[in-house]
PDB file of N, CA and C in Angstrom:
ATOM      1  N   LEU A   1      12.464   1.207   1.785  1.00  0.00           N
ATOM      2  CA  LEU A   1      11.189   0.503   1.724  1.00  0.00           C
ATOM      3  C   LEU A   1      10.898   0.153   0.281  1.00  0.00           C
ATOM      4  N   ASN A   2      10.521  -1.061   0.068  1.00  0.00           N
ATOM      5  CA  ASN A   2      10.173  -1.562  -1.251  1.00  0.00           C
ATOM      6  C   ASN A   2       8.684  -1.312  -1.495  1.00  0.00           C
ATOM      7  N   PRO A   3       8.326  -0.571  -2.540  1.00  0.00           N
ATOM      8  CA  PRO A   3       6.908  -0.306  -2.807  1.00  0.00           C
ATOM      9  C   PRO A   3       6.080  -1.580  -2.983  1.00  0.00           C
ATOM     10  N   LEU A   4       6.707  -2.664  -3.436  1.00  0.00           N
ATOM     11  CA  LEU A   4       5.969  -3.919  -3.581  1.00  0.00           C
ATOM     12  C   LEU A   4       5.536  -4.490  -2.236  1.00  0.00           C
ATOM     13  N   ALA A   5       6.184  -4.066  -1.166  1.00  0.00           N
ATOM     14  CA  ALA A   5       5.836  -4.547   0.172  1.00  0.00           C
ATOM     15  C   ALA A   5       4.598  -3.845   0.726  1.00  0.00           C
ATOM     16  N   ILE A   6       4.148  -2.807   0.048  1.00  0.00           N
ATOM     17  CA  ILE A   6       2.979  -2.055   0.510  1.00  0.00           C
ATOM     18  C   ILE A   6       1.721  -2.737  -0.017  1.00  0.00           C
ATOM     19  N   PRO A   7       0.823  -3.177   0.865  1.00  0.00           N
ATOM     20  CA  PRO A   7      -0.432  -3.759   0.393  1.00  0.00           C
ATOM     21  C   PRO A   7      -1.214  -2.729  -0.436  1.00  0.00           C
ATOM     22  N   VAL A   8      -1.782  -3.183  -1.535  1.00  0.00           N
ATOM     23  CA  VAL A   8      -2.491  -2.280  -2.444  1.00  0.00           C
ATOM     24  C   VAL A   8      -3.613  -1.543  -1.722  1.00  0.00           C
ATOM     25  N   ASP A   9      -4.349  -2.232  -0.863  1.00  0.00           N
ATOM     26  CA  ASP A   9      -5.450  -1.569  -0.162  1.00  0.00           C
ATOM     27  C   ASP A   9      -4.938  -0.459   0.752  1.00  0.00           C
ATOM     28  N   LYS A  10      -3.768  -0.652   1.340  1.00  0.00           N
ATOM     29  CA  LYS A  10      -3.188   0.395   2.201  1.00  0.00           C
ATOM     30  C   LYS A  10      -2.700   1.572   1.364  1.00  0.00           C
ATOM     31  N   ALA A  11      -2.181   1.311   0.185  1.00  0.00           N
ATOM     32  CA  ALA A  11      -1.765   2.398  -0.709  1.00  0.00           C
ATOM     33  C   ALA A  11      -2.974   3.229  -1.121  1.00  0.00           C
ATOM     34  N   HIS A  12      -4.084   2.565  -1.424  1.00  0.00           N
ATOM     35  CA  HIS A  12      -5.306   3.290  -1.787  1.00  0.00           C
ATOM     36  C   HIS A  12      -5.847   4.088  -0.602  1.00  0.00           C
ATOM     37  N   GLU A  13      -5.770   3.511   0.574  1.00  0.00           N
ATOM     38  CA  GLU A  13      -6.219   4.209   1.780  1.00  0.00           C
ATOM     39  C   GLU A  13      -5.369   5.462   2.023  1.00  0.00           C
ATOM     40  N   ALA A  14      -4.062   5.321   1.878  1.00  0.00           N
ATOM     41  CA  ALA A  14      -3.162   6.468   2.055  1.00  0.00           C
ATOM     42  C   ALA A  14      -3.455   7.544   1.022  1.00  0.00           C
ATOM     43  N   LYS A  15      -3.706   7.139  -0.212  1.00  0.00           N
ATOM     44  CA  LYS A  15      -4.009   8.106  -1.273  1.00  0.00           C
ATOM     45  C   LYS A  15      -5.293   8.868  -0.949  1.00  0.00           C
ATOM     46  N   ASP A  16      -6.296   8.163  -0.451  1.00  0.00           N
ATOM     47  CA  ASP A  16      -7.559   8.813  -0.076  1.00  0.00           C
ATOM     48  C   ASP A  16      -7.347   9.855   1.017  1.00  0.00           C
ATOM     49  N   ILE A  17      -6.495   9.558   1.961  1.00  0.00           N
ATOM     50  CA  ILE A  17      -6.210  10.505   3.046  1.00  0.00           C
ATOM     51  C   ILE A  17      -5.402  11.688   2.529  1.00  0.00           C
ATOM     52  N   LEU A  18      -4.352  11.397   1.759  1.00  0.00           N
ATOM     53  CA  LEU A  18      -3.438  12.443   1.301  1.00  0.00           C
ATOM     54  C   LEU A  18      -4.046  13.366   0.254  1.00  0.00           C
ATOM     55  N   ARG A  19      -5.076  12.906  -0.450  1.00  0.00           N
ATOM     56  CA  ARG A  19      -5.663  13.754  -1.497  1.00  0.00           C
ATOM     57  C   ARG A  19      -6.326  15.006  -0.920  1.00  0.00           C
ATOM     58  N   ASN A  20      -6.545  15.026   0.378  1.00  0.00           N
ATOM     59  CA  ASN A  20      -7.129  16.204   1.024  1.00  0.00           C
ATOM     60  C   ASN A  20      -6.114  17.315   1.263  1.00  0.00           C
ATOM     61  N   TYR A  21      -4.851  17.056   0.936  1.00  0.00           N
ATOM     62  CA  TYR A  21      -3.774  18.009   1.192  1.00  0.00           C
ATOM     63  C   TYR A  21      -2.971  18.238  -0.081  1.00  0.00           C
ATOM     64  N   ASP A  22      -2.172  19.292  -0.076  1.00  0.00           N
ATOM     65  CA  ASP A  22      -1.223  19.505  -1.161  1.00  0.00           C
ATOM     66  C   ASP A  22       0.104  19.947  -0.555  1.00  0.00           C
ATOM     67  N   LEU A  23       1.141  19.894  -1.375  1.00  0.00           N
ATOM     68  CA  LEU A  23       2.483  20.166  -0.875  1.00  0.00           C
ATOM     69  C   LEU A  23       2.609  21.571  -0.298  1.00  0.00           C
ATOM     70  N   LEU A  24       1.996  22.534  -0.929  1.00  0.00           N
ATOM     71  CA  LEU A  24       2.068  23.910  -0.428  1.00  0.00           C
ATOM     72  C   LEU A  24       1.453  24.014   0.966  1.00  0.00           C
ATOM     73  N   ARG A  25       0.300  23.394   1.133  1.00  0.00           N
ATOM     74  CA  ARG A  25      -0.385  23.451   2.433  1.00  0.00           C
ATOM     75  C   ARG A  25       0.445  22.809   3.542  1.00  0.00           C
ATOM     76  N   VAL A  26       0.996  21.634   3.271  1.00  0.00           N
ATOM     77  CA  VAL A  26       1.761  20.973   4.332  1.00  0.00           C
ATOM     78  C   VAL A  26       3.100  21.666   4.579  1.00  0.00           C
ATOM     79  N   THR A  27       3.675  22.289   3.556  1.00  0.00           N
ATOM     80  CA  THR A  27       4.924  23.027   3.749  1.00  0.00           C
ATOM     81  C   THR A  27       4.714  24.227   4.656  1.00  0.00           C
ATOM     82  N   GLU A  28       3.535  24.845   4.568  1.00  0.00           N
ATOM     83  CA  GLU A  28       3.215  25.970   5.454  1.00  0.00           C
ATOM     84  C   GLU A  28       3.173  25.524   6.909  1.00  0.00           C
ATOM     85  N   ILE A  29       2.818  24.274   7.129  1.00  0.00           N
ATOM     86  CA  ILE A  29       2.748  23.736   8.487  1.00  0.00           C
ATOM     87  C   ILE A  29       4.138  23.350   8.982  1.00  0.00           C
ATOM     88  N   SER A  30       4.883  22.618   8.136  1.00  0.00           N
ATOM     89  CA  SER A  30       6.198  22.128   8.561  1.00  0.00           C
ATOM     90  C   SER A  30       6.979  21.620   7.355  1.00  0.00           C
ATOM     91  N   VAL A  31       8.243  21.983   7.295  1.00  0.00           N
ATOM     92  CA  VAL A  31       9.103  21.478   6.222  1.00  0.00           C
ATOM     93  C   VAL A  31       9.295  19.968   6.379  1.00  0.00           C
ATOM     94  N   GLY A  32       9.416  19.507   7.611  1.00  0.00           N
ATOM     95  CA  GLY A  32       9.543  18.071   7.859  1.00  0.00           C
ATOM     96  C   GLY A  32       8.309  17.319   7.404  1.00  0.00           C
ATOM     97  N   LEU A  33       7.144  17.888   7.675  1.00  0.00           N
ATOM     98  CA  LEU A  33       5.895  17.279   7.228  1.00  0.00           C
ATOM     99  C   LEU A  33       5.843  17.225   5.711  1.00  0.00           C
ATOM    100  N   SER A  34       6.334  18.270   5.058  1.00  0.00           N
ATOM    101  CA  SER A  34       6.307  18.282   3.592  1.00  0.00           C
ATOM    102  C   SER A  34       7.204  17.183   3.022  1.00  0.00           C
ATOM    103  N   ALA A  35       8.328  16.914   3.677  1.00  0.00           N
ATOM    104  CA  ALA A  35       9.206  15.830   3.223  1.00  0.00           C
ATOM    105  C   ALA A  35       8.497  14.484   3.357  1.00  0.00           C
ATOM    106  N   PHE A  36       7.823  14.264   4.484  1.00  0.00           N
ATOM    107  CA  PHE A  36       7.087  13.021   4.690  1.00  0.00           C
ATOM    108  C   PHE A  36       5.927  12.906   3.708  1.00  0.00           C
ATOM    109  N   PHE A  37       5.215  14.003   3.485  1.00  0.00           N
ATOM    110  CA  PHE A  37       4.103  14.023   2.537  1.00  0.00           C
ATOM    111  C   PHE A  37       4.602  13.639   1.145  1.00  0.00           C
ATOM    112  N   ASN A  38       5.686  14.260   0.715  1.00  0.00           N
ATOM    113  CA  ASN A  38       6.235  13.994  -0.613  1.00  0.00           C
ATOM    114  C   ASN A  38       6.682  12.539  -0.736  1.00  0.00           C
ATOM    115  N   TRP A  39       7.355  12.030   0.286  1.00  0.00           N
ATOM    116  CA  TRP A  39       7.786  10.634   0.282  1.00  0.00           C
ATOM    117  C   TRP A  39       6.576   9.702   0.219  1.00  0.00           C
ATOM    118  N   SER A  40       5.553   9.992   1.009  1.00  0.00           N
ATOM    119  CA  SER A  40       4.352   9.156   1.038  1.00  0.00           C
ATOM    120  C   SER A  40       3.669   9.120  -0.322  1.00  0.00           C
ATOM    121  N   MET A  41       3.516  10.284  -0.932  1.00  0.00           N
ATOM    122  CA  MET A  41       2.886  10.355  -2.253  1.00  0.00           C
ATOM    123  C   MET A  41       3.704   9.581  -3.287  1.00  0.00           C
ATOM    124  N   THR A  42       5.014   9.695  -3.199  1.00  0.00           N
ATOM    125  CA  THR A  42       5.880   8.978  -4.135  1.00  0.00           C
ATOM    126  C   THR A  42       5.730   7.471  -3.969  1.00  0.00           C
ATOM    127  N   MET A  43       5.676   6.998  -2.735  1.00  0.00           N
ATOM    128  CA  MET A  43       5.516   5.562  -2.484  1.00  0.00           C
ATOM    129  C   MET A  43       4.177   5.060  -3.010  1.00  0.00           C
ATOM    130  N   VAL A  44       3.111   5.824  -2.804  1.00  0.00           N
ATOM    131  CA  VAL A  44       1.787   5.440  -3.301  1.00  0.00           C
ATOM    132  C   VAL A  44       1.799   5.387  -4.829  1.00  0.00           C
ATOM    133  N   GLU A  45       2.369   6.400  -5.457  1.00  0.00           N
ATOM    134  CA  GLU A  45       2.431   6.432  -6.923  1.00  0.00           C
ATOM    135  C   GLU A  45       3.250   5.261  -7.465  1.00  0.00           C
ATOM    136  N   GLU A  46       4.367   4.955  -6.822  1.00  0.00           N
ATOM    137  CA  GLU A  46       5.189   3.827  -7.262  1.00  0.00           C
ATOM    138  C   GLU A  46       4.428   2.513  -7.123  1.00  0.00           C
ATOM    139  N   ARG A  47       3.694   2.359  -6.019  1.00  0.00           N
ATOM    140  CA  ARG A  47       2.915   1.127  -5.821  1.00  0.00           C
ATOM    141  C   ARG A  47       1.863   0.992  -6.901  1.00  0.00           C
ATOM    142  N   GLU A  48       1.201   2.094  -7.254  1.00  0.00           N
ATOM    143  CA  GLU A  48       0.189   2.055  -8.309  1.00  0.00           C
ATOM    144  C   GLU A  48       0.814   1.692  -9.658  1.00  0.00           C
ATOM    145  N   LYS A  49       1.972   2.248  -9.958  1.00  0.00           N
ATOM    146  CA  LYS A  49       2.661   1.929 -11.218  1.00  0.00           C
ATOM    147  C   LYS A  49       3.058   0.459 -11.261  1.00  0.00           C
ATOM    148  N   LEU A  50       3.548  -0.057 -10.145  1.00  0.00           N
ATOM    149  CA  LEU A  50       3.932  -1.464 -10.091  1.00  0.00           C
ATOM    150  C   LEU A  50       2.721  -2.373 -10.249  1.00  0.00           C
ATOM    151  N   LEU A  51       1.602  -1.997  -9.662  1.00  0.00           N
ATOM    152  CA  LEU A  51       0.376  -2.780  -9.806  1.00  0.00           C
ATOM    153  C   LEU A  51      -0.053  -2.816 -11.267  1.00  0.00           C
ATOM    154  N   GLU A  52      -0.003  -1.680 -11.930  1.00  0.00           N
ATOM    155  CA  GLU A  52      -0.372  -1.626 -13.348  1.00  0.00           C
ATOM    156  C   GLU A  52       0.573  -2.488 -14.182  1.00  0.00           C
ATOM    157  N   SER A  53       1.852  -2.453 -13.876  1.00  0.00           N
ATOM    158  CA  SER A  53       2.825  -3.290 -14.591  1.00  0.00           C
ATOM    159  C   SER A  53       2.528  -4.770 -14.373  1.00  0.00           C
ATOM    160  N   GLN A  54       2.193  -5.124 -13.146  1.00  0.00           N
ATOM    161  CA  GLN A  54       1.859  -6.515 -12.842  1.00  0.00           C
ATOM    162  C   GLN A  54       0.621  -6.947 -13.616  1.00  0.00           C
ATOM    163  N   ARG A  55      -0.353  -6.077 -13.722  1.00  0.00           N
ATOM    164  CA  ARG A  55      -1.581  -6.405 -14.463  1.00  0.00           C
ATOM    165  C   ARG A  55      -1.295  -6.607 -15.946  1.00  0.00           C
ATOM    166  N   ARG A  56      -0.405  -5.792 -16.505  1.00  0.00           N
ATOM    167  CA  ARG A  56      -0.050  -5.936 -17.924  1.00  0.00           C
ATOM    168  C   ARG A  56       0.646  -7.266 -18.182  1.00  0.00           C
ATOM    169  N   ILE A  57       1.489  -7.674 -17.247  1.00  0.00           N
ATOM    170  CA  ILE A  57       2.217  -8.935 -17.409  1.00  0.00           C
ATOM    171  C   ILE A  57       1.253 -10.111 -17.395  1.00  0.00           C
ATOM    172  N   VAL A  58       0.253 -10.063 -16.534  1.00  0.00           N
ATOM    173  CA  VAL A  58      -0.703 -11.157 -16.384  1.00  0.00           C
ATOM    174  C   VAL A  58      -1.580 -11.293 -17.626  1.00  0.00           C
ATOM    175  N   ARG A  59      -1.857 -10.189 -18.286  1.00  0.00           N
ATOM    176  CA  ARG A  59      -2.736 -10.235 -19.469  1.00  0.00           C
ATOM    177  C   ARG A  59      -2.099 -10.967 -20.550  1.00  0.00           C
TER     178      ARG A  59
END
């Protein structure tokens, strides 16, 4: 999945949902869930970094 394909508003929405959890908490529930949580957080962070890079280029 290309982080640029993620709409910015959806990345922000995902971040708002995921901020209620942490890796330790989700790992206690399921190792599989922790892998998905970690991947999701990484994708959101990458999308935010790409957005910031795009903004710098436009300036």
